[in-house]
Structures are given as structure tokens and as C-alpha cells.
Amino acid sequence: MAIRFPSALRAKHIRLRCNLFTNQAATTSLDVPKGYFAVYVGEGDKKRYVIPVSLLNQPSFQQLLSIAEEEFGFTHPMGGLTIPCTEDIFPNVFEFLQQSRVSGNVSAIKKLHAQLLRTGMLFLSHHLHTQIIATYAACLPNSNFHLLKNFFKCMTSTNPLHFNAILSDFCRKGFPFLAIASFSFMHTNGVPLDTYALCSMLTASSKVKDLNFGKQIHTHVGKSGWSSSVFVGSALIDLYSKLSNVQDAALMFDEIPEKNTVCANALLSGYGEAGLWAQELGLVRKMHAMKLKHDHFTLSAALRACTGLSAVEMGRQVHGYLLRTTPDVESDVFIQSALIEMYGKCGLVKKALQVFKLVGMEIRKEVRSRDIVLWTSMLGVYGRNGHYKEVIDLYNDMLVEGILPDGIAFLTVISACGRTGQVHAGVKYFESMANDFKLDPGPEHYSCLVDLLCRAGELQRAWELLNETLYKGMGNCTVSMWGALLSACVDRGDLDLGKLAAQRALELDPQNVGICIMLSNLYARFGMWEEIGHLRVLIKARGLRKDVGCSWVQVTD
């Protein structure tokens, strides 16, 4: 016996179009009457029903799906009905949402939202609902949790996939507070929390730098049985590492039963941020025993540790391992930059230059692209090792190759001009930042320019530059700027200007013992022993101590 449609969906509500569409893609929504949407029935040639959108919210629509499944004998997930995606019903709705998100037009979003609610189309697609929420979140203040909660109440599904998409979107688009609020709603309303939601929350916790909330998530992970998940474990390690809690990150790494390279790299990143170079190298060595592969990030971390320890022999071993196991070293800018930095820190400038020029690897040079990262690394190596003429020559070579310099490159070049006494050239490079390359000089660039003027003995000009920087809003004066002026005053014997520079520096950082030591040297030059005594009492009262210098010596058998 044929199954009849429910009374609510009889012919006056559903108009059967007898045309058989062999190419559904050729059919557009333009021939669908206003207030209706198309439903295609069949798998090959499809019959089309045009159904009023007002029926979407009625239980009889779900009954239609079941009846159609029995009528046609399909096992399609949608009961044998092919419902066009939301883009077919509203061809420009997602494009409109994207434009509204960029422009921040909340009024237009609300009008679209009202139309979708009135027609019932909002509840046809959870993806559309997710995009509406994400668009509102991008345009409204981060603290508007009440509105977000109302949106979630309209989502009848308890499938975590829909909420996970929202959590991920909030984290990627820079709304960690909204991600945390969404997670709280899921937990309160019984939406299952899977590994995806937990990882998103740990990422949001690290972005808002909330260690206590992260520990609460860690507790929930333990209670819910997700502690053995390597994905959640990696997210926990990353959280503790980014919040400078490396000890807990190491404990979490030890507790993961099945480790992978990702969680090891997360711990390596934590060791590197904390400056624990020896522990970083130790973990790299252990990875082989744990049967974990070394990827590019692992080897970059190992080179960074060698740089921190000035362990050139270990760095050579890592370099050799790279050449044996990595076929495309010339295409990895960060690996090359780490090698250049390592050799430069250890004083092997020629070796760093060989890496920069890929000496011995001429066959594969054509696939190599030297970007600004490599150029600035090599400029830094020359600058730190006193090859100031080479800094300027390399900078000119960079311009010839069409590489636009960045702030780091200018910092190195201006510093090199100061070391070689090229005052006019240094000022010219400083001015070219804004005039030729549209770069805004930062405090470090002004500090470098002040140091350049002071080294040339132009103390008054440096003083005028500092005051101009301070009062005209060209930048923020830092302790290093006033320290550079004070150091020059000690060398040139300018007592009055030196006292003013020291006063300004101590106003910014009263605990800076280096400024106090330079001021004491200035007093000593003029035999002002009483002032030196007062200064020593002040240093003792503040509990200041000068850092003791040290040197690295590598002992080999």
C-alpha cells in the first residue's frame, strides 16, 4: 500500500515538479518560488519537491523524511532526500557574513539573523548557526557572554562536533575568552567534552595566560579518563611550557604512555623558552631511545641549545646529522638560520658564511630562496664578531638581490656604523627606514642612534635627540638610551649631562645596578668620594647586586 503524505503536507503545501533533472548542478535556486525550498528525491534522476519553509519547524517535516525513506526504500542518511546546502538557498549568505565580519556591520548581521529565524532556515544547518555565532563574536565586545549563551540555547543538538567548530574558530580568530565561555556552556548543559574540546580549551588557557584554569582542565582530563591521549597530553605540555611551568610540563611528558614527536617538541619548546639548554639537549638524545623521530623542529631546537651552550662540537654533530637525514636542507630557512646563529655564536664566522652561501651544495642552489631571515642572521653574526665593514657590504648585497630590509637589519647596520665612526652613514640609514622603506623606528633604533652619536662625541646632539624623542612622541625613551648617553659622559668627562642622564634612567628603572655603577665611575673620575659613598649606601639599601661575568670553556678529551 502506498504511503500517503501527512495532511499537513498535502498537495496544497507540496508542489511536485514532474521534471526529471539529470544534472542537478545546472539547476539554481532562481526558479524556486519565494518562501519555498527544493527537496530532491532519488539517487540518479531526481524528482523535485518544493516545500514551504514555514513547515521546517513542524514535527510533520521529520515525519516526511521517514515516510520518504519507506516510500522509496533509500538508506541515505537524510532519508533519501537531498536537501541543497545553505549556499543554494541563500547563494550569498556566507559571503555576506564574511563581509560583515570584516566591516563590523552588526546591524546587517542582525537583519540577516532575523530573516533566518523567521523563515526557520537557521535551524536547517548547524554550520550556518556556527558561522552566525562566529560573525557576532568578531563584531561584538569579548565580554558579551550573555548574547553568546542565548545563541547556544537555540542549538538543539548536543553533538559536540558543532560546538567544537565554534571553539576552534574562536581560538583561531583571537577570542579565547569566548572559547572559554562556550566550553563552560557545554559543560553546564551536558554536551560531551571530547579531546578536541579539551585541546581547544588548553590552547585558550595558554593565550589568556590563566594557569589556574588550565590546571582545572587538567583535573577534568584526569577524571574523565583522557590522560592517556597523546593529543591532550601534548596540549597540556604546551600549556605548561608557555606559562613557564616547565617542571609540570616535564612531569606530564613522563606520564604519557604512548609518546610522539609532537609532545616531545612541545617540551623542547618549553626548555628553550626557559633557557634550560642542557635539558633540551638531553631530551633530544633520549628521543632515539624512545623511538621518536627527529623532525625539523627537533633539530632546530637542538641547534638552539647548542647556541645557548656555545657547544660547537655538538652543533657540528647536529649539522652532520642534518646533511645525512634531511634531503632538502636548502629549502628550510629556519634550519639554515639556526646553523648560522650557532656558528656565529661560537665565533666561527667563516663557517657561518659557508652555510649562508651553501658551499659544497651548488647542485641544489636553484631551489633555495634566501629571505630576510637568513640575511639578518648573517648580518647579526658579522655584527657580534666585530666584522662591521662586512655588515655594510652584506647589507648592500641584500638590496641588490631585491630583499627589503626589516627593523632587525637596520639595527645591525646602524650599530656597525657606530662602531666604525660613520656618523653620517648611520644617520642616513636611520632616516631611510621611514623615508625609503616605510618602517617606523622603534626604541631600540633610537637607542642605537644615540649610541652612534655618543661614540662620535656628539653628546649635545644625542641629548637633543632624546628630548625630541621624549616630548614629540617619536618613541619611548628607554633605560638603554640614557645608559648609552651616561656611558659616553663617563668617557668624555661630562659631569652635568651624565648626572641628568643617570637621573632619567633611574626614574625609569630604580633597580638598575648598571646605571649606578656607571654613575659611580663618573663620580670617581672627578674625585667625588663623598657622592660615591652616598651612592654605595643607596645600592646597599635597595639590595642591588652587580651580575658577575663568566666565560664558557669547552673541555674535550
Protein backbone atom coordinates (compact mmCIF):
# COMPACT_ATOMS: atom_id res chain seq x y z
CA MET A 1 0.00 0.00 0.00
CA ALA A 2 1.34 3.37 -0.94
CA ILE A 3 2.34 5.67 1.88
CA ARG A 4 0.41 8.93 1.85
CA PHE A 5 1.93 12.19 2.99
CA PRO A 6 0.62 13.68 6.24
CA SER A 7 -2.31 16.03 5.92
CA ALA A 8 -0.14 18.97 6.78
CA LEU A 9 1.98 18.23 3.74
CA ARG A 10 -0.62 17.52 1.05
CA ALA A 11 -0.74 18.89 -2.43
CA LYS A 12 -1.66 22.39 -1.45
CA HIS A 13 1.58 22.62 0.51
CA ILE A 14 3.87 20.47 -1.62
CA ARG A 15 4.00 21.03 -5.36
CA LEU A 16 5.51 18.12 -7.26
CA ARG A 17 7.58 19.09 -10.25
CA CYS A 18 7.46 16.15 -12.63
CA ASN A 19 10.61 17.17 -14.50
CA LEU A 20 13.50 14.75 -14.07
CA PHE A 21 16.75 16.58 -13.53
CA THR A 22 19.71 14.73 -14.91
CA ASN A 23 22.06 17.50 -13.91
CA GLN A 24 21.20 18.92 -10.52
CA ALA A 25 24.16 21.27 -10.58
CA ALA A 26 22.63 23.07 -13.53
CA THR A 27 19.52 23.87 -11.51
CA THR A 28 19.72 27.03 -9.49
CA SER A 29 17.61 28.42 -6.73
CA LEU A 30 16.28 31.13 -9.04
CA ASP A 31 13.29 29.00 -10.18
CA VAL A 32 12.24 28.18 -6.62
CA PRO A 33 9.24 30.32 -5.57
CA LYS A 34 9.79 32.78 -2.77
CA GLY A 35 9.18 31.21 0.62
CA TYR A 36 9.92 27.66 -0.62
CA PHE A 37 12.96 25.46 -0.88
CA ALA A 38 13.71 22.49 -3.10
CA VAL A 39 13.92 18.86 -1.97
CA TYR A 40 15.29 16.33 -4.45
CA VAL A 41 14.15 12.71 -4.17
CA GLY A 42 16.12 9.93 -5.77
CA GLU A 43 19.70 8.88 -6.39
CA GLY A 44 20.10 9.07 -10.17
CA ASP A 45 17.35 11.04 -11.88
CA LYS A 46 15.72 13.09 -9.17
CA LYS A 47 12.17 14.29 -8.66
CA ARG A 48 11.93 17.66 -7.06
CA TYR A 49 9.52 18.79 -4.34
CA VAL A 50 9.15 22.45 -3.48
CA ILE A 51 8.32 22.77 0.23
CA PRO A 52 7.38 25.97 2.09
CA VAL A 53 9.97 26.98 4.66
CA SER A 54 7.22 27.54 7.24
CA LEU A 55 6.92 23.77 7.62
CA LEU A 56 10.53 23.25 8.66
CA ASN A 57 9.79 23.79 12.35
CA GLN A 58 6.83 21.37 12.36
CA PRO A 59 7.26 17.76 13.50
CA SER A 60 5.50 16.68 10.31
CA PHE A 61 8.62 17.60 8.34
CA GLN A 62 10.63 14.98 10.17
CA GLN A 63 7.72 12.60 9.54
CA LEU A 64 8.07 13.38 5.83
CA LEU A 65 11.67 12.23 5.94
CA SER A 66 10.69 8.91 7.47
CA ILE A 67 7.80 8.38 5.01
CA ALA A 68 10.02 9.17 2.04
CA GLU A 69 12.53 6.62 3.26
CA GLU A 70 9.83 3.95 3.40
CA GLU A 71 8.26 5.06 0.09
CA PHE A 72 11.44 4.89 -1.96
CA GLY A 73 13.43 2.34 0.05
CA PHE A 74 16.52 4.50 0.40
CA THR A 75 19.05 4.23 3.21
CA HIS A 76 20.52 7.69 2.62
CA PRO A 77 21.44 9.47 5.88
CA MET A 78 18.91 12.17 5.01
CA GLY A 79 16.13 9.60 4.46
CA GLY A 80 16.52 9.60 0.68
CA LEU A 81 16.06 13.39 0.40
CA THR A 82 18.82 15.53 -1.00
CA ILE A 83 18.46 18.96 0.61
CA PRO A 84 20.60 21.63 -1.04
CA CYS A 85 23.17 23.23 1.23
CA THR A 86 22.53 26.63 2.65
CA GLU A 87 24.53 28.33 -0.12
CA ASP A 88 21.93 27.10 -2.65
CA ILE A 89 19.07 28.53 -0.63
CA PHE A 90 20.87 31.79 0.14
CA PRO A 91 23.57 31.99 -2.55
CA ASN A 92 25.45 34.86 -0.91
CA VAL A 93 24.79 34.27 2.78
CA PHE A 94 28.27 33.07 3.70
CA GLU A 95 29.90 35.75 1.58
CA PHE A 96 27.66 38.31 3.25
CA LEU A 97 28.67 37.05 6.71
CA GLN A 98 32.34 37.26 5.78
CA GLN A 99 31.95 40.84 4.54
CA SER A 100 30.02 41.78 7.68
CA ARG A 101 32.73 40.25 9.84
CA VAL A 102 35.39 42.34 8.12
CA SER A 103 33.38 45.57 8.22
CA GLY A 104 31.92 45.01 11.69
CA ASN A 105 28.40 45.81 10.48
CA VAL A 106 26.36 44.45 13.41
CA SER A 107 23.09 45.94 12.11
CA ALA A 108 23.31 44.00 8.84
CA ILE A 109 24.08 40.78 10.71
CA LYS A 110 21.05 41.24 12.95
CA LYS A 111 18.78 41.77 9.93
CA LEU A 112 20.02 38.58 8.31
CA HIS A 113 19.71 36.75 11.62
CA ALA A 114 16.09 37.88 11.98
CA GLN A 115 15.27 36.71 8.46
CA LEU A 116 16.83 33.31 9.09
CA LEU A 117 14.88 32.94 12.33
CA ARG A 118 11.58 33.99 10.73
CA THR A 119 11.90 31.51 7.88
CA GLY A 120 13.31 28.72 10.02
CA MET A 121 16.38 28.37 7.82
CA LEU A 122 18.74 28.93 10.74
CA PHE A 123 17.85 25.52 12.15
CA LEU A 124 18.37 23.72 8.85
CA SER A 125 22.17 23.87 9.07
CA HIS A 126 24.33 23.81 12.19
CA HIS A 127 27.19 25.09 10.05
CA LEU A 128 25.19 28.24 9.31
CA HIS A 129 24.39 28.62 13.01
CA THR A 130 28.09 28.31 13.80
CA GLN A 131 29.00 30.98 11.26
CA ILE A 132 26.37 33.38 12.63
CA ILE A 133 27.82 32.98 16.14
CA ALA A 134 31.38 33.45 14.90
CA THR A 135 30.37 36.59 12.99
CA TYR A 136 28.71 38.09 16.05
CA ALA A 137 31.76 37.25 18.13
CA ALA A 138 34.03 39.09 15.68
CA CYS A 139 31.89 42.23 15.80
CA LEU A 140 30.75 42.42 19.44
CA PRO A 141 32.85 43.01 22.58
CA ASN A 142 34.65 39.99 24.00
CA SER A 143 32.73 40.24 27.27
CA ASN A 144 29.28 39.78 25.70
CA PHE A 145 28.80 36.30 27.18
CA HIS A 146 25.04 36.73 27.70
CA LEU A 147 24.39 37.02 23.97
CA LEU A 148 26.60 34.02 23.30
CA LYS A 149 24.65 31.95 25.84
CA ASN A 150 21.37 32.85 24.14
CA PHE A 151 22.74 31.65 20.81
CA PHE A 152 23.74 28.31 22.25
CA LYS A 153 20.28 27.83 23.71
CA CYS A 154 18.92 27.90 20.15
CA MET A 155 21.12 24.96 19.18
CA THR A 156 19.06 21.87 19.89
CA SER A 157 21.88 19.49 19.01
CA THR A 158 24.10 18.06 21.75
CA ASN A 159 26.58 16.78 19.19
CA PRO A 160 29.99 18.09 20.32
CA LEU A 161 31.13 18.48 16.71
CA HIS A 162 29.03 21.61 16.23
CA PHE A 163 30.35 23.21 19.43
CA ASN A 164 33.91 22.11 18.69
CA ALA A 165 33.79 24.02 15.41
CA ILE A 166 32.83 27.14 17.34
CA LEU A 167 35.59 26.60 19.93
CA SER A 168 38.18 26.15 17.20
CA ASP A 169 37.00 29.25 15.35
CA PHE A 170 37.15 31.38 18.50
CA CYS A 171 40.69 30.20 19.29
CA ARG A 172 41.94 30.78 15.74
CA LYS A 173 40.36 34.22 15.40
CA GLY A 174 41.73 35.55 18.70
CA PHE A 175 38.70 35.20 21.02
CA PRO A 176 39.98 32.89 23.78
CA PHE A 177 37.57 34.36 26.35
CA LEU A 178 34.59 33.45 24.17
CA ALA A 179 36.04 29.97 23.68
CA ILE A 180 36.22 29.52 27.45
CA ALA A 181 32.62 30.75 27.83
CA SER A 182 31.49 28.31 25.12
CA PHE A 183 33.26 25.46 26.87
CA SER A 184 31.57 26.41 30.14
CA PHE A 185 28.17 26.29 28.43
CA MET A 186 28.94 22.84 27.02
CA HIS A 187 29.97 21.52 30.41
CA THR A 188 26.91 23.01 32.16
CA ASN A 189 24.39 21.73 29.59
CA GLY A 190 25.64 18.19 29.29
CA VAL A 191 27.33 18.42 25.90
CA PRO A 192 30.04 15.70 25.81
CA LEU A 193 33.58 17.03 26.11
CA ASP A 194 35.91 15.16 23.79
CA THR A 195 39.62 15.54 23.14
CA TYR A 196 39.03 18.25 20.54
CA ALA A 197 37.17 20.47 23.03
CA LEU A 198 39.77 19.85 25.75
CA CYS A 199 42.67 20.69 23.43
CA SER A 200 40.92 23.89 22.33
CA MET A 201 40.42 24.89 25.96
CA LEU A 202 44.05 24.29 26.85
CA THR A 203 45.05 26.45 23.88
CA ALA A 204 42.67 29.21 25.05
CA SER A 205 44.09 28.96 28.59
CA SER A 206 47.63 29.49 27.31
CA LYS A 207 46.51 32.50 25.26
CA VAL A 208 44.85 34.21 28.24
CA LYS A 209 47.79 33.10 30.44
CA ASP A 210 45.47 31.56 33.03
CA LEU A 211 47.43 28.74 34.66
CA ASN A 212 44.79 28.04 37.31
CA PHE A 213 42.07 27.45 34.72
CA GLY A 214 44.46 25.24 32.79
CA LYS A 215 45.05 23.16 35.91
CA GLN A 216 41.28 22.80 36.36
CA ILE A 217 41.06 21.44 32.82
CA HIS A 218 43.95 19.11 33.66
CA THR A 219 41.97 17.83 36.65
CA HIS A 220 38.93 17.23 34.46
CA VAL A 221 41.15 15.39 31.98
CA GLY A 222 42.27 13.04 34.73
CA LYS A 223 38.73 12.42 35.99
CA SER A 224 37.29 11.84 32.52
CA GLY A 225 39.97 9.34 31.52
CA TRP A 226 41.63 11.33 28.75
CA SER A 227 45.06 11.39 30.41
CA SER A 228 46.35 8.69 28.11
CA SER A 229 45.50 10.71 24.99
CA VAL A 230 48.69 11.92 23.35
CA PHE A 231 46.81 14.89 21.83
CA VAL A 232 45.53 16.14 25.18
CA GLY A 233 48.92 15.41 26.74
CA SER A 234 50.70 17.48 24.08
CA ALA A 235 48.27 20.36 24.67
CA LEU A 236 48.94 20.18 28.44
CA ILE A 237 52.71 20.20 27.87
CA ASP A 238 52.33 23.18 25.55
CA LEU A 239 50.21 24.99 28.17
CA TYR A 240 52.70 24.49 31.00
CA SER A 241 55.64 25.34 28.74
CA LYS A 242 54.15 28.62 27.52
CA LEU A 243 53.27 29.64 31.09
CA SER A 244 56.85 28.98 32.32
CA ASN A 245 55.94 25.91 34.33
CA VAL A 246 58.49 23.62 32.74
CA GLN A 247 58.66 21.23 35.70
CA ASP A 248 54.97 20.30 35.36
CA ALA A 249 55.41 20.06 31.59
CA ALA A 250 58.19 17.51 32.09
CA LEU A 251 56.05 15.51 34.54
CA MET A 252 53.18 15.49 32.06
CA PHE A 253 55.53 14.25 29.35
CA ASP A 254 56.65 11.37 31.56
CA GLU A 255 53.03 10.37 32.27
CA ILE A 256 52.01 10.00 28.61
CA PRO A 257 52.09 6.24 27.89
CA GLU A 258 52.42 6.49 24.09
CA LYS A 259 54.57 9.48 23.23
CA ASN A 260 55.09 11.03 19.82
CA THR A 261 57.35 13.67 18.30
CA VAL A 262 54.76 16.43 18.77
CA CYS A 263 54.66 16.15 22.56
CA ALA A 264 58.47 15.93 22.68
CA ASN A 265 58.74 19.10 20.59
CA ALA A 266 56.31 20.87 22.94
CA LEU A 267 58.60 20.09 25.88
CA LEU A 268 61.66 21.12 23.86
CA SER A 269 59.97 24.47 23.23
CA GLY A 270 59.41 24.88 26.96
CA TYR A 271 63.04 24.10 27.75
CA GLY A 272 64.17 26.58 25.13
CA GLU A 273 61.94 29.38 26.44
CA ALA A 274 63.28 28.77 29.96
CA GLY A 275 66.90 28.68 28.79
CA LEU A 276 67.40 25.11 30.01
CA TRP A 277 69.78 24.21 27.20
CA ALA A 278 71.30 21.13 28.84
CA GLN A 279 67.88 19.58 29.49
CA GLU A 280 66.90 20.39 25.91
CA LEU A 281 69.90 18.53 24.51
CA GLY A 282 69.30 15.68 26.94
CA LEU A 283 65.73 15.22 25.66
CA VAL A 284 66.92 15.26 22.04
CA ARG A 285 69.32 12.45 22.87
CA LYS A 286 66.60 10.43 24.65
CA MET A 287 64.21 10.65 21.71
CA HIS A 288 66.15 7.99 19.82
CA ALA A 289 65.83 5.56 22.75
CA MET A 290 62.08 6.31 22.89
CA LYS A 291 61.84 5.53 19.15
CA LEU A 292 60.75 9.06 18.32
CA LYS A 293 61.77 10.62 15.03
CA HIS A 294 63.63 13.92 14.79
CA ASP A 295 61.77 16.39 12.58
CA HIS A 296 62.87 19.87 11.50
CA PHE A 297 61.56 21.46 14.70
CA THR A 298 63.51 18.95 16.83
CA LEU A 299 66.76 19.67 15.01
CA SER A 300 66.17 23.43 15.18
CA ALA A 301 65.69 23.10 18.95
CA ALA A 302 68.91 21.09 19.22
CA LEU A 303 70.82 23.79 17.32
CA ARG A 304 69.28 26.46 19.54
CA ALA A 305 70.51 24.56 22.62
CA CYS A 306 73.99 24.28 21.13
CA THR A 307 73.91 28.03 20.53
CA GLY A 308 72.91 28.70 24.13
CA LEU A 309 75.70 26.48 25.46
CA SER A 310 78.25 27.56 22.80
CA ALA A 311 78.72 23.81 22.25
CA VAL A 312 80.24 23.96 18.79
CA GLU A 313 81.22 20.27 18.63
CA MET A 314 77.69 19.15 19.43
CA GLY A 315 76.46 21.66 16.86
CA ARG A 316 78.75 20.12 14.24
CA GLN A 317 77.28 16.70 15.00
CA VAL A 318 73.75 18.03 14.56
CA HIS A 319 74.82 19.66 11.30
CA GLY A 320 76.24 16.37 10.05
CA TYR A 321 73.07 14.52 11.07
CA LEU A 322 71.05 17.09 9.14
CA LEU A 323 73.06 16.58 5.96
CA ARG A 324 72.70 12.79 6.24
CA THR A 325 68.98 12.63 7.01
CA THR A 326 67.41 15.77 5.54
CA PRO A 327 67.42 15.92 1.75
CA ASP A 328 66.05 19.48 1.50
CA VAL A 329 68.13 21.48 3.98
CA GLU A 330 68.49 24.28 1.44
CA SER A 331 64.73 24.81 1.37
CA ASP A 332 64.34 25.13 5.17
CA VAL A 333 65.10 28.73 6.08
CA PHE A 334 64.79 28.19 9.82
CA ILE A 335 67.26 25.28 9.91
CA GLN A 336 69.80 27.33 7.94
CA SER A 337 69.23 30.34 10.19
CA ALA A 338 69.76 28.20 13.30
CA LEU A 339 73.03 26.84 11.85
CA ILE A 340 74.26 30.36 11.04
CA GLU A 341 73.37 31.58 14.54
CA MET A 342 75.09 28.59 16.15
CA TYR A 343 78.36 29.00 14.26
CA GLY A 344 78.28 32.78 14.73
CA LYS A 345 77.74 32.49 18.50
CA CYS A 346 80.73 30.17 18.68
CA GLY A 347 82.90 32.63 16.73
CA LEU A 348 83.15 30.57 13.54
CA VAL A 349 82.25 33.36 11.12
CA LYS A 350 83.67 31.64 8.05
CA LYS A 351 81.67 28.50 8.78
CA ALA A 352 78.51 30.58 9.18
CA LEU A 353 79.23 32.24 5.84
CA GLN A 354 79.65 28.81 4.21
CA VAL A 355 76.20 27.82 5.46
CA PHE A 356 74.80 31.13 4.21
CA LYS A 357 76.28 30.55 0.76
CA LEU A 358 75.61 26.78 0.80
CA VAL A 359 79.21 25.99 -0.03
CA GLY A 360 79.52 22.40 -1.23
CA MET A 361 75.84 22.20 -2.20
CA GLU A 362 75.96 24.02 -5.53
CA ILE A 363 73.85 21.36 -7.24
CA ARG A 364 70.76 22.28 -5.25
CA LYS A 365 71.17 26.04 -5.10
CA GLU A 366 68.46 26.62 -7.70
CA VAL A 367 65.72 25.53 -5.26
CA ARG A 368 66.96 27.77 -2.49
CA SER A 369 65.42 31.11 -1.63
CA ARG A 370 67.35 33.38 0.75
CA ASP A 371 64.76 35.51 2.51
CA ILE A 372 65.19 38.27 5.07
CA VAL A 373 65.60 35.76 7.92
CA LEU A 374 68.87 34.39 6.53
CA TRP A 375 70.21 37.83 5.67
CA THR A 376 69.54 39.25 9.13
CA SER A 377 71.08 36.14 10.74
CA MET A 378 74.28 36.63 8.77
CA LEU A 379 74.28 40.38 9.46
CA GLY A 380 73.99 39.59 13.16
CA VAL A 381 76.92 37.16 13.00
CA TYR A 382 79.13 39.81 11.41
CA GLY A 383 77.99 42.44 13.91
CA ARG A 384 78.55 40.31 17.03
CA ASN A 385 82.02 39.28 15.92
CA GLY A 386 83.26 42.78 15.06
CA HIS A 387 83.16 42.49 11.24
CA TYR A 388 81.49 45.86 10.84
CA LYS A 389 82.69 46.58 7.30
CA GLU A 390 81.26 43.25 6.18
CA VAL A 391 77.91 44.21 7.76
CA ILE A 392 77.56 47.22 5.48
CA ASP A 393 78.78 45.29 2.43
CA LEU A 394 76.31 42.47 3.08
CA TYR A 395 73.50 44.98 3.54
CA ASN A 396 74.25 46.48 0.13
CA ASP A 397 74.32 42.97 -1.40
CA MET A 398 70.91 42.31 0.13
CA LEU A 399 69.47 45.40 -1.53
CA VAL A 400 70.99 44.35 -4.86
CA GLU A 401 69.19 40.99 -4.63
CA GLY A 402 65.90 42.82 -4.07
CA ILE A 403 65.44 41.81 -0.42
CA LEU A 404 63.67 44.54 1.57
CA PRO A 405 65.35 45.10 4.95
CA ASP A 406 63.41 44.92 8.20
CA GLY A 407 63.93 46.57 11.58
CA ILE A 408 66.48 43.97 12.70
CA ALA A 409 68.64 44.56 9.62
CA PHE A 410 68.65 48.33 10.21
CA LEU A 411 69.53 47.81 13.86
CA THR A 412 72.63 45.84 12.91
CA VAL A 413 73.68 48.28 10.19
CA ILE A 414 73.29 51.40 12.36
CA SER A 415 75.22 49.69 15.15
CA ALA A 416 78.00 48.81 12.69
CA CYS A 417 78.19 52.46 11.59
CA GLY A 418 78.56 53.47 15.23
CA ARG A 419 81.45 51.03 15.75
CA THR A 420 83.26 52.32 12.65
CA GLY A 421 82.64 56.02 13.32
CA GLN A 422 80.45 56.53 10.23
CA VAL A 423 78.07 59.01 11.83
CA HIS A 424 76.63 60.46 8.64
CA ALA A 425 76.07 57.00 7.15
CA GLY A 426 74.35 55.81 10.34
CA VAL A 427 72.01 58.80 10.37
CA LYS A 428 71.29 58.24 6.66
CA TYR A 429 70.35 54.60 7.27
CA PHE A 430 68.16 55.64 10.21
CA GLU A 431 66.30 58.20 8.12
CA SER A 432 65.90 55.77 5.21
CA MET A 433 63.83 53.46 7.42
CA ALA A 434 60.85 55.79 7.28
CA ASN A 435 61.60 57.63 4.04
CA ASP A 436 62.50 54.73 1.74
CA PHE A 437 61.06 51.58 3.37
CA LYS A 438 58.10 52.96 5.37
CA LEU A 439 59.32 51.38 8.64
CA ASP A 440 58.65 53.04 11.98
CA PRO A 441 61.83 53.24 14.10
CA GLY A 442 61.39 51.63 17.50
CA PRO A 443 63.03 52.47 20.84
CA GLU A 444 65.91 50.12 20.04
CA HIS A 445 66.67 52.06 16.85
CA TYR A 446 66.70 55.38 18.72
CA SER A 447 68.92 53.79 21.36
CA CYS A 448 71.32 52.63 18.64
CA LEU A 449 71.36 56.10 17.07
CA VAL A 450 72.05 57.70 20.45
CA ASP A 451 74.93 55.28 20.96
CA LEU A 452 76.26 56.18 17.50
CA LEU A 453 76.23 59.91 18.31
CA CYS A 454 77.79 59.34 21.71
CA ARG A 455 80.63 57.25 20.28
CA ALA A 456 81.35 60.10 17.89
CA GLY A 457 81.48 62.56 20.80
CA GLU A 458 78.33 64.44 19.80
CA LEU A 459 76.80 64.36 23.29
CA GLN A 460 74.74 67.51 22.89
CA ARG A 461 73.19 66.20 19.69
CA ALA A 462 72.37 62.92 21.44
CA TRP A 463 70.77 64.85 24.32
CA GLU A 464 68.64 66.85 21.88
CA LEU A 465 67.56 63.65 20.13
CA LEU A 466 66.49 62.11 23.43
CA ASN A 467 64.44 65.15 24.40
CA GLU A 468 62.90 65.29 20.93
CA THR A 469 62.01 61.61 21.24
CA LEU A 470 60.55 62.16 24.70
CA TYR A 471 58.47 65.27 24.10
CA LYS A 472 57.36 64.90 20.47
CA GLY A 473 56.11 61.34 20.75
CA MET A 474 58.62 59.90 18.28
CA GLY A 475 59.22 56.95 20.57
CA ASN A 476 59.58 55.93 24.21
CA CYS A 477 62.92 56.64 25.83
CA THR A 478 64.34 53.51 27.38
CA VAL A 479 66.98 52.86 30.01
CA SER A 480 69.41 51.76 27.29
CA MET A 481 69.16 55.20 25.61
CA TRP A 482 70.02 57.09 28.77
CA GLY A 483 72.61 54.43 29.63
CA ALA A 484 74.35 55.00 26.30
CA LEU A 485 74.45 58.74 26.96
CA LEU A 486 75.73 58.18 30.52
CA SER A 487 78.47 55.84 29.30
CA ALA A 488 79.61 58.46 26.79
CA CYS A 489 79.58 61.12 29.50
CA VAL A 490 81.88 58.91 31.63
CA ASP A 491 84.31 58.54 28.71
CA ARG A 492 84.17 62.25 27.77
CA GLY A 493 84.09 63.58 31.32
CA ASP A 494 80.77 65.48 31.07
CA LEU A 495 79.60 65.52 34.70
CA ASP A 496 76.44 67.64 34.43
CA LEU A 497 75.00 65.83 31.43
CA GLY A 498 75.97 62.48 32.94
CA LYS A 499 74.08 63.22 36.18
CA LEU A 500 70.98 64.19 34.19
CA ALA A 501 71.18 61.00 32.11
CA ALA A 502 71.57 58.87 35.25
CA GLN A 503 68.61 60.62 36.89
CA ARG A 504 66.37 59.95 33.87
CA ALA A 505 67.49 56.30 33.68
CA LEU A 506 66.87 55.64 37.38
CA GLU A 507 63.43 57.21 37.10
CA LEU A 508 62.58 54.53 34.54
CA ASP A 509 64.30 51.66 36.41
CA PRO A 510 65.31 52.36 40.02
CA GLN A 511 66.67 48.81 40.38
CA ASN A 512 69.17 49.08 37.52
CA VAL A 513 72.51 48.45 39.17
CA GLY A 514 74.43 49.07 35.92
CA ILE A 515 73.37 52.74 35.88
CA CYS A 516 74.50 53.12 39.49
CA ILE A 517 77.90 51.61 38.68
CA MET A 518 78.44 53.96 35.71
CA LEU A 519 77.40 56.95 37.82
CA SER A 520 79.90 55.85 40.47
CA ASN A 521 82.63 55.70 37.81
CA LEU A 522 81.70 59.21 36.70
CA TYR A 523 81.98 60.48 40.28
CA ALA A 524 85.34 58.71 40.68
CA ARG A 525 86.71 60.45 37.61
CA PHE A 526 86.18 63.81 39.32
CA GLY A 527 87.24 62.62 42.79
CA MET A 528 83.74 62.96 44.28
CA TRP A 529 84.25 60.33 47.00
CA GLU A 530 81.50 61.58 49.26
CA GLU A 531 78.92 61.18 46.49
CA ILE A 532 80.29 57.70 45.80
CA GLY A 533 79.75 56.83 49.48
CA HIS A 534 76.13 58.01 49.33
CA LEU A 535 75.63 56.00 46.16
CA ARG A 536 77.01 52.84 47.75
CA VAL A 537 74.66 53.27 50.72
CA LEU A 538 71.76 53.62 48.28
CA ILE A 539 72.82 50.46 46.39
CA LYS A 540 73.08 48.51 49.64
CA ALA A 541 69.71 49.79 50.89
CA ARG A 542 67.99 48.69 47.69
CA GLY A 543 69.65 45.30 47.80
CA LEU A 544 71.19 45.68 44.37
CA ARG A 545 73.99 43.41 43.18
CA LYS A 546 76.06 43.52 40.04
CA ASP A 547 75.93 40.39 37.91
CA VAL A 548 79.23 38.52 37.90
CA GLY A 549 80.76 37.99 34.47
CA CYS A 550 81.54 34.49 33.27
CA SER A 551 83.20 32.75 30.35
CA TRP A 552 82.42 29.43 28.64
CA VAL A 553 85.22 26.90 28.27
CA GLN A 554 84.58 23.63 26.48
CA VAL A 555 86.78 20.82 27.79
CA THR A 556 87.48 17.95 25.40
CA ASP A 557 89.31 14.68 25.93
